[in-house]
């Protein structure tokens, strides 16, 4: 009985490995990564709002706008250059604020761990509560800063 089970298990593993490989090779690849993304792991790219877009939004041909990652020239005059610089500065600020937000979330988890492992010690429990409170305050400030940066950045575009 166990030998039969081993044979069936080996056959199943073989079918999954070989079958999966064949399907991966034989299946048509319908989508690839876009040439240019505006976000990388939820962080905006430093050039967001500065790259050209090409193509049309024609559903019949399935041709959609694609960003070519070619940064547009800031234009002539000081107004175009200042908009160009402020767009980059606001993108970098948003990246920094998101990093702060992720750190705050990590500190909330760490504070919760300290609170749970306080083992009835009032000092450890108070330290854990204080860490959680400070991290939540930092998270709220970070989220508000990201919102403000996005509002200001939309004003430039």
N, C-alpha and C. Protein backbone atom coordinates (compact mmCIF):
# COMPACT_ATOMS: atom_id res chain seq x y z
N UNK A 1 0.82 -1.20 0.00
CA UNK A 1 0.00 0.00 0.00
C UNK A 1 0.86 1.27 0.00
N UNK A 2 1.92 1.29 0.83
CA UNK A 2 2.77 2.47 0.89
C UNK A 2 3.57 2.65 -0.39
N UNK A 3 3.94 1.51 -1.03
CA UNK A 3 4.67 1.62 -2.29
C UNK A 3 3.78 2.22 -3.36
N UNK A 4 2.51 1.88 -3.38
CA UNK A 4 1.57 2.45 -4.34
C UNK A 4 1.40 3.95 -4.09
N UNK A 5 1.33 4.33 -2.83
CA UNK A 5 1.19 5.75 -2.50
C UNK A 5 2.42 6.54 -2.93
N UNK A 6 3.60 5.93 -2.75
CA UNK A 6 4.83 6.61 -3.17
C UNK A 6 4.87 6.77 -4.69
N UNK A 7 4.45 5.75 -5.40
CA UNK A 7 4.43 5.83 -6.86
C UNK A 7 3.45 6.92 -7.32
N UNK A 8 2.28 6.96 -6.71
CA UNK A 8 1.31 8.00 -7.06
C UNK A 8 1.84 9.39 -6.71
N UNK A 9 2.47 9.54 -5.55
CA UNK A 9 3.03 10.84 -5.15
C UNK A 9 4.13 11.27 -6.10
N UNK A 10 5.02 10.32 -6.47
CA UNK A 10 6.10 10.65 -7.41
C UNK A 10 5.53 11.03 -8.77
N UNK A 11 4.50 10.31 -9.21
CA UNK A 11 3.87 10.65 -10.49
C UNK A 11 3.21 12.01 -10.46
N UNK A 12 2.57 12.36 -9.34
CA UNK A 12 1.93 13.67 -9.20
C UNK A 12 2.97 14.79 -9.20
N UNK A 13 4.05 14.58 -8.45
CA UNK A 13 5.12 15.59 -8.44
C UNK A 13 5.71 15.75 -9.84
N UNK A 14 5.96 14.65 -10.52
CA UNK A 14 6.49 14.71 -11.88
C UNK A 14 5.53 15.45 -12.80
N UNK A 15 4.24 15.14 -12.72
CA UNK A 15 3.25 15.79 -13.58
C UNK A 15 3.18 17.29 -13.30
N UNK A 16 3.26 17.65 -12.04
CA UNK A 16 3.20 19.08 -11.70
C UNK A 16 4.44 19.80 -12.22
N UNK A 17 5.60 19.22 -12.00
CA UNK A 17 6.83 19.88 -12.43
C UNK A 17 6.93 19.97 -13.95
N UNK A 18 6.73 18.86 -14.63
CA UNK A 18 6.83 18.85 -16.09
C UNK A 18 5.66 19.59 -16.71
N UNK A 19 4.45 19.34 -16.22
CA UNK A 19 3.27 20.00 -16.76
C UNK A 19 3.32 21.50 -16.57
N UNK A 20 3.77 21.92 -15.40
CA UNK A 20 3.89 23.36 -15.15
C UNK A 20 4.91 24.01 -16.06
N UNK A 21 6.00 23.30 -16.30
CA UNK A 21 7.03 23.84 -17.19
C UNK A 21 6.51 23.95 -18.61
N UNK A 22 5.80 22.93 -19.08
CA UNK A 22 5.27 22.94 -20.44
C UNK A 22 4.23 24.03 -20.60
N UNK A 23 3.35 24.17 -19.62
CA UNK A 23 2.32 25.21 -19.70
C UNK A 23 2.95 26.60 -19.68
N UNK A 24 3.98 26.78 -18.88
CA UNK A 24 4.64 28.08 -18.82
C UNK A 24 5.26 28.44 -20.16
N UNK A 25 5.86 27.47 -20.81
CA UNK A 25 6.50 27.73 -22.10
C UNK A 25 5.46 27.87 -23.21
N UNK A 26 4.44 27.02 -23.18
CA UNK A 26 3.47 26.98 -24.28
C UNK A 26 2.41 28.08 -24.18
N UNK A 27 2.10 28.55 -22.98
CA UNK A 27 1.04 29.54 -22.82
C UNK A 27 1.50 30.88 -23.39
N UNK A 28 0.63 31.58 -24.09
CA UNK A 28 1.02 32.88 -24.63
C UNK A 28 1.19 33.90 -23.51
N UNK A 29 2.21 34.68 -23.65
CA UNK A 29 2.47 35.73 -22.66
C UNK A 29 1.70 36.96 -23.08
N UNK A 30 0.62 37.26 -22.36
CA UNK A 30 -0.26 38.34 -22.79
C UNK A 30 0.15 39.71 -22.28
N UNK A 31 0.88 39.76 -21.19
CA UNK A 31 1.24 41.07 -20.68
C UNK A 31 2.66 41.04 -20.14
N UNK A 32 3.32 42.13 -20.30
CA UNK A 32 4.66 42.30 -19.78
C UNK A 32 4.66 43.53 -18.90
N UNK A 33 5.72 43.74 -18.20
CA UNK A 33 5.84 44.93 -17.37
C UNK A 33 5.84 46.16 -18.26
N UNK A 34 5.20 47.20 -17.79
CA UNK A 34 5.14 48.44 -18.56
C UNK A 34 6.54 49.04 -18.67
N UNK A 35 6.73 49.80 -19.72
CA UNK A 35 8.04 50.41 -19.94
C UNK A 35 8.39 51.40 -18.84
N UNK A 36 7.40 52.04 -18.31
CA UNK A 36 7.66 53.08 -17.32
C UNK A 36 6.51 53.11 -16.32
N UNK A 37 6.82 52.95 -15.07
CA UNK A 37 5.81 52.98 -14.02
C UNK A 37 5.95 54.27 -13.23
N UNK A 38 4.82 54.75 -12.71
CA UNK A 38 4.86 55.93 -11.87
C UNK A 38 5.07 55.59 -10.40
N UNK A 39 4.90 54.32 -10.03
CA UNK A 39 5.11 53.88 -8.66
C UNK A 39 5.97 52.64 -8.64
N UNK A 40 6.86 52.56 -7.66
CA UNK A 40 7.67 51.38 -7.46
C UNK A 40 7.51 50.99 -5.99
N UNK A 41 6.87 49.87 -5.74
CA UNK A 41 6.60 49.41 -4.37
C UNK A 41 5.91 50.49 -3.55
N UNK A 42 4.91 51.09 -4.09
CA UNK A 42 4.09 52.17 -3.52
C UNK A 42 4.82 53.50 -3.43
N UNK A 43 6.09 53.54 -3.70
CA UNK A 43 6.82 54.80 -3.69
C UNK A 43 6.73 55.44 -5.07
N UNK A 44 6.46 56.75 -5.13
CA UNK A 44 6.44 57.39 -6.45
C UNK A 44 7.86 57.52 -6.99
N UNK A 45 7.97 57.49 -8.30
CA UNK A 45 9.28 57.70 -8.90
C UNK A 45 9.61 59.19 -8.83
N UNK A 46 10.87 59.51 -8.82
CA UNK A 46 11.25 60.92 -8.68
C UNK A 46 10.81 61.74 -9.88
N UNK A 47 10.59 61.10 -11.03
CA UNK A 47 10.21 61.80 -12.25
C UNK A 47 8.72 61.76 -12.51
N UNK A 48 7.90 61.33 -11.53
CA UNK A 48 6.46 61.25 -11.74
C UNK A 48 5.91 62.62 -12.12
N UNK A 49 5.14 62.66 -13.17
CA UNK A 49 4.57 63.91 -13.64
C UNK A 49 5.44 64.65 -14.63
N UNK A 50 6.62 64.10 -14.95
CA UNK A 50 7.54 64.78 -15.86
C UNK A 50 7.75 64.02 -17.17
N UNK A 51 7.26 62.79 -17.28
CA UNK A 51 7.54 61.99 -18.47
C UNK A 51 6.43 62.15 -19.50
N UNK A 52 6.82 61.97 -20.76
CA UNK A 52 5.88 62.09 -21.88
C UNK A 52 5.01 60.84 -21.95
N UNK A 53 3.82 60.99 -22.50
CA UNK A 53 2.97 59.82 -22.76
C UNK A 53 2.67 59.77 -24.25
N UNK A 54 2.63 58.54 -24.76
CA UNK A 54 2.33 58.35 -26.18
C UNK A 54 1.24 57.32 -26.31
N UNK A 55 0.59 57.28 -27.45
CA UNK A 55 -0.46 56.30 -27.70
C UNK A 55 -1.84 56.94 -27.62
N UNK A 56 -2.84 56.12 -27.81
CA UNK A 56 -4.22 56.59 -27.73
C UNK A 56 -5.00 55.66 -26.83
N UNK A 57 -6.12 56.13 -26.34
CA UNK A 57 -7.00 55.29 -25.53
C UNK A 57 -8.10 54.74 -26.41
N UNK A 58 -7.74 53.86 -27.32
CA UNK A 58 -8.71 53.28 -28.24
C UNK A 58 -9.00 51.85 -27.80
N UNK A 59 -10.20 51.59 -27.22
CA UNK A 59 -10.48 50.23 -26.75
C UNK A 59 -10.58 49.22 -27.87
N UNK A 60 -10.88 49.64 -29.10
CA UNK A 60 -11.01 48.70 -30.21
C UNK A 60 -9.65 48.08 -30.56
N UNK A 61 -8.60 48.90 -30.54
CA UNK A 61 -7.27 48.38 -30.86
C UNK A 61 -6.49 48.01 -29.62
N UNK A 62 -7.06 48.25 -28.47
CA UNK A 62 -6.41 47.98 -27.18
C UNK A 62 -5.10 48.74 -27.06
N UNK A 63 -5.03 49.89 -27.69
CA UNK A 63 -3.86 50.74 -27.61
C UNK A 63 -4.12 51.76 -26.50
N UNK A 64 -3.35 51.70 -25.45
CA UNK A 64 -3.57 52.60 -24.33
C UNK A 64 -2.37 53.52 -24.17
N UNK A 65 -2.57 54.58 -23.41
CA UNK A 65 -1.47 55.50 -23.15
C UNK A 65 -0.34 54.76 -22.43
N UNK A 66 0.86 54.92 -22.95
CA UNK A 66 2.03 54.35 -22.30
C UNK A 66 3.03 55.46 -22.07
N UNK A 67 3.64 55.44 -20.93
CA UNK A 67 4.66 56.41 -20.64
C UNK A 67 5.98 55.89 -21.21
N UNK A 68 6.73 56.76 -21.87
CA UNK A 68 7.96 56.33 -22.51
C UNK A 68 9.18 56.59 -21.64
N UNK A 69 8.99 57.15 -20.48
CA UNK A 69 10.08 57.46 -19.55
C UNK A 69 11.04 58.52 -20.09
N UNK A 70 10.63 59.23 -21.10
CA UNK A 70 11.44 60.34 -21.58
C UNK A 70 10.97 61.58 -20.85
N UNK A 71 11.85 62.16 -20.08
CA UNK A 71 11.47 63.32 -19.29
C UNK A 71 11.35 64.52 -20.22
N UNK A 72 10.22 65.22 -20.09
CA UNK A 72 9.98 66.39 -20.94
C UNK A 72 10.89 67.54 -20.50
N UNK A 73 11.23 68.36 -21.44
CA UNK A 73 12.01 69.54 -21.16
C UNK A 73 11.19 70.49 -20.30
N UNK A 74 11.82 71.18 -19.36
CA UNK A 74 11.05 72.06 -18.48
C UNK A 74 10.41 73.23 -19.19
N UNK A 75 10.74 73.45 -20.41
CA UNK A 75 10.16 74.58 -21.13
C UNK A 75 11.03 75.82 -21.02
N UNK A 76 10.53 76.87 -21.58
CA UNK A 76 11.29 78.11 -21.56
C UNK A 76 10.80 78.99 -20.43
N UNK A 77 11.67 79.81 -19.95
CA UNK A 77 11.30 80.74 -18.90
C UNK A 77 11.49 80.14 -17.52
N UNK A 78 11.38 81.01 -16.54
CA UNK A 78 11.59 80.56 -15.16
C UNK A 78 10.38 79.82 -14.62
N UNK A 79 9.19 80.06 -15.17
CA UNK A 79 7.99 79.39 -14.68
C UNK A 79 8.04 77.90 -14.96
N UNK A 80 8.46 77.51 -16.15
CA UNK A 80 8.56 76.10 -16.49
C UNK A 80 9.64 75.39 -15.68
N UNK A 81 10.76 76.06 -15.48
CA UNK A 81 11.86 75.47 -14.71
C UNK A 81 11.48 75.31 -13.24
N UNK A 82 10.81 76.31 -12.68
CA UNK A 82 10.42 76.20 -11.27
C UNK A 82 9.39 75.09 -11.08
N UNK A 83 8.46 74.93 -12.02
CA UNK A 83 7.50 73.83 -11.93
C UNK A 83 8.22 72.49 -12.02
N UNK A 84 9.19 72.38 -12.89
CA UNK A 84 9.98 71.17 -13.06
C UNK A 84 10.70 70.81 -11.76
N UNK A 85 11.37 71.79 -11.16
CA UNK A 85 12.14 71.56 -9.94
C UNK A 85 11.20 71.21 -8.78
N UNK A 86 10.10 71.95 -8.63
CA UNK A 86 9.17 71.70 -7.53
C UNK A 86 8.50 70.33 -7.66
N UNK A 87 8.26 69.87 -8.87
CA UNK A 87 7.70 68.54 -9.06
C UNK A 87 8.67 67.48 -8.55
N UNK A 88 9.94 67.61 -8.86
CA UNK A 88 10.95 66.67 -8.37
C UNK A 88 11.06 66.74 -6.85
N UNK A 89 11.10 67.96 -6.31
CA UNK A 89 11.22 68.13 -4.85
C UNK A 89 10.02 67.50 -4.13
N UNK A 90 8.83 67.72 -4.63
CA UNK A 90 7.64 67.16 -3.99
C UNK A 90 7.61 65.64 -4.11
N UNK A 91 8.08 65.09 -5.21
CA UNK A 91 8.16 63.63 -5.33
C UNK A 91 9.14 63.05 -4.31
N UNK A 92 10.28 63.69 -4.13
CA UNK A 92 11.26 63.22 -3.16
C UNK A 92 10.70 63.35 -1.74
N UNK A 93 9.99 64.44 -1.45
CA UNK A 93 9.38 64.61 -0.13
C UNK A 93 8.35 63.52 0.11
N UNK A 94 7.56 63.18 -0.90
CA UNK A 94 6.56 62.12 -0.73
C UNK A 94 7.22 60.78 -0.47
N UNK A 95 8.33 60.50 -1.13
CA UNK A 95 9.06 59.26 -0.87
C UNK A 95 9.52 59.23 0.59
N UNK A 96 10.08 60.34 1.06
CA UNK A 96 10.55 60.41 2.45
C UNK A 96 9.40 60.24 3.43
N UNK A 97 8.25 60.86 3.15
CA UNK A 97 7.10 60.73 4.05
C UNK A 97 6.55 59.31 4.08
N UNK A 98 6.60 58.62 2.96
CA UNK A 98 6.15 57.23 2.95
C UNK A 98 7.11 56.34 3.74
N UNK A 99 8.41 56.62 3.66
CA UNK A 99 9.37 55.87 4.47
C UNK A 99 9.08 56.09 5.95
N UNK A 100 8.79 57.34 6.32
CA UNK A 100 8.44 57.64 7.70
C UNK A 100 7.17 56.90 8.11
N UNK A 101 6.21 56.81 7.23
CA UNK A 101 4.98 56.08 7.52
C UNK A 101 5.23 54.61 7.75
N UNK A 102 6.08 53.99 6.92
CA UNK A 102 6.40 52.58 7.11
C UNK A 102 7.17 52.37 8.42
N UNK A 103 8.07 53.29 8.74
CA UNK A 103 8.78 53.19 10.02
C UNK A 103 7.82 53.31 11.19
N UNK A 104 6.85 54.22 11.09
CA UNK A 104 5.87 54.38 12.16
C UNK A 104 5.05 53.11 12.33
N UNK A 105 4.66 52.48 11.24
CA UNK A 105 3.92 51.22 11.33
C UNK A 105 4.78 50.14 11.99
N UNK A 106 6.05 50.12 11.68
CA UNK A 106 6.96 49.17 12.33
C UNK A 106 7.08 49.43 13.82
N UNK A 107 7.13 50.71 14.21
CA UNK A 107 7.20 51.04 15.63
C UNK A 107 5.90 50.70 16.35
N UNK A 108 4.77 50.79 15.67
CA UNK A 108 3.50 50.38 16.29
C UNK A 108 3.55 48.88 16.59
N UNK A 109 4.05 48.11 15.64
CA UNK A 109 4.17 46.66 15.87
C UNK A 109 5.15 46.38 17.00
N UNK A 110 6.27 47.07 17.02
CA UNK A 110 7.26 46.88 18.07
C UNK A 110 6.70 47.29 19.43
N UNK A 111 5.97 48.40 19.48
CA UNK A 111 5.35 48.83 20.73
C UNK A 111 4.31 47.85 21.21
N UNK A 112 3.55 47.27 20.28
CA UNK A 112 2.59 46.24 20.66
C UNK A 112 3.28 45.01 21.22
N UNK A 113 4.42 44.65 20.64
CA UNK A 113 5.19 43.52 21.15
C UNK A 113 5.68 43.81 22.57
N UNK A 114 6.20 45.02 22.79
CA UNK A 114 6.66 45.38 24.13
C UNK A 114 5.51 45.40 25.12
N UNK A 115 4.35 45.87 24.69
CA UNK A 115 3.18 45.92 25.57
C UNK A 115 2.72 44.52 25.96
N UNK A 116 2.70 43.62 24.97
CA UNK A 116 2.24 42.26 25.24
C UNK A 116 3.24 41.50 26.11
N UNK A 117 4.51 41.71 25.88
CA UNK A 117 5.53 40.97 26.64
C UNK A 117 5.92 41.69 27.93
N UNK A 118 5.15 42.68 28.35
CA UNK A 118 5.45 43.41 29.58
C UNK A 118 5.34 42.53 30.81
N UNK A 119 4.60 41.45 30.74
CA UNK A 119 4.47 40.47 31.82
C UNK A 119 4.05 41.11 33.14
N UNK A 120 3.15 42.05 33.07
CA UNK A 120 2.62 42.64 34.29
C UNK A 120 3.49 43.72 34.89
N UNK A 121 4.63 44.00 34.31
CA UNK A 121 5.51 45.06 34.82
C UNK A 121 4.97 46.41 34.36
N UNK A 122 4.58 47.29 35.30
CA UNK A 122 4.00 48.57 34.90
C UNK A 122 4.94 49.44 34.05
N UNK A 123 6.22 49.36 34.32
CA UNK A 123 7.18 50.17 33.54
C UNK A 123 7.22 49.74 32.08
N UNK A 124 7.26 48.43 31.84
CA UNK A 124 7.33 47.92 30.47
C UNK A 124 6.02 48.18 29.73
N UNK A 125 4.90 48.03 30.42
CA UNK A 125 3.60 48.28 29.79
C UNK A 125 3.46 49.75 29.44
N UNK A 126 3.88 50.64 30.33
CA UNK A 126 3.82 52.08 30.05
C UNK A 126 4.74 52.45 28.88
N UNK A 127 5.93 51.84 28.84
CA UNK A 127 6.86 52.12 27.73
C UNK A 127 6.26 51.64 26.41
N UNK A 128 5.61 50.48 26.41
CA UNK A 128 4.98 49.98 25.19
C UNK A 128 3.84 50.87 24.74
N UNK A 129 3.00 51.32 25.69
CA UNK A 129 1.89 52.22 25.37
C UNK A 129 2.40 53.54 24.81
N UNK A 130 3.44 54.08 25.43
CA UNK A 130 4.00 55.35 24.97
C UNK A 130 4.58 55.23 23.56
N UNK A 131 5.23 54.10 23.29
CA UNK A 131 5.80 53.87 21.96
C UNK A 131 4.69 53.77 20.92
N UNK A 132 3.61 53.07 21.24
CA UNK A 132 2.49 52.96 20.31
C UNK A 132 1.88 54.33 20.06
N UNK A 133 1.66 55.11 21.12
CA UNK A 133 1.05 56.44 20.97
C UNK A 133 1.92 57.35 20.11
N UNK A 134 3.21 57.37 20.37
CA UNK A 134 4.11 58.21 19.57
C UNK A 134 4.17 57.76 18.12
N UNK A 135 4.14 56.46 17.89
CA UNK A 135 4.16 55.95 16.52
C UNK A 135 2.87 56.29 15.78
N UNK A 136 1.73 56.22 16.46
CA UNK A 136 0.47 56.60 15.82
C UNK A 136 0.46 58.08 15.48
N UNK A 137 0.98 58.91 16.36
CA UNK A 137 1.06 60.35 16.07
C UNK A 137 1.96 60.58 14.85
N UNK A 138 3.11 59.90 14.80
CA UNK A 138 4.00 60.02 13.64
C UNK A 138 3.35 59.53 12.36
N UNK A 139 2.57 58.45 12.45
CA UNK A 139 1.89 57.91 11.28
C UNK A 139 0.85 58.89 10.76
N UNK A 140 0.09 59.50 11.65
CA UNK A 140 -0.92 60.48 11.23
C UNK A 140 -0.26 61.69 10.58
N UNK A 141 0.81 62.17 11.17
CA UNK A 141 1.53 63.31 10.58
C UNK A 141 2.07 62.95 9.20
N UNK A 142 2.62 61.74 9.07
CA UNK A 142 3.15 61.29 7.78
C UNK A 142 2.06 61.19 6.73
N UNK A 143 0.92 60.61 7.09
CA UNK A 143 -0.18 60.50 6.13
C UNK A 143 -0.69 61.87 5.71
N UNK A 144 -0.82 62.79 6.65
CA UNK A 144 -1.26 64.14 6.30
C UNK A 144 -0.25 64.83 5.39
N UNK A 145 1.04 64.60 5.63
CA UNK A 145 2.06 65.21 4.78
C UNK A 145 1.99 64.66 3.36
N UNK A 146 1.76 63.36 3.21
CA UNK A 146 1.63 62.77 1.88
C UNK A 146 0.42 63.35 1.16
N UNK A 147 -0.68 63.51 1.88
CA UNK A 147 -1.89 64.10 1.28
C UNK A 147 -1.62 65.53 0.83
N UNK A 148 -0.97 66.31 1.65
CA UNK A 148 -0.68 67.71 1.31
C UNK A 148 0.25 67.77 0.10
N UNK A 149 1.27 66.91 0.06
CA UNK A 149 2.19 66.90 -1.08
C UNK A 149 1.43 66.54 -2.36
N UNK A 150 0.55 65.55 -2.30
CA UNK A 150 -0.23 65.18 -3.49
C UNK A 150 -1.13 66.31 -3.94
N UNK A 151 -1.73 67.04 -3.02
CA UNK A 151 -2.59 68.18 -3.39
C UNK A 151 -1.77 69.26 -4.05
N UNK A 152 -0.61 69.57 -3.49
CA UNK A 152 0.25 70.61 -4.06
C UNK A 152 0.77 70.16 -5.42
N UNK A 153 1.14 68.89 -5.55
CA UNK A 153 1.67 68.38 -6.82
C UNK A 153 0.62 68.42 -7.92
N UNK A 154 -0.64 68.17 -7.58
CA UNK A 154 -1.70 68.28 -8.59
C UNK A 154 -1.89 69.71 -9.05
N UNK A 155 -1.59 70.66 -8.19
CA UNK A 155 -1.68 72.06 -8.57
C UNK A 155 -0.66 72.44 -9.64
N UNK A 156 0.48 71.72 -9.67
CA UNK A 156 1.51 72.01 -10.67
C UNK A 156 1.18 71.35 -12.00
N UNK A 157 0.41 70.28 -12.01
CA UNK A 157 0.13 69.57 -13.27
C UNK A 157 -1.14 70.00 -13.90
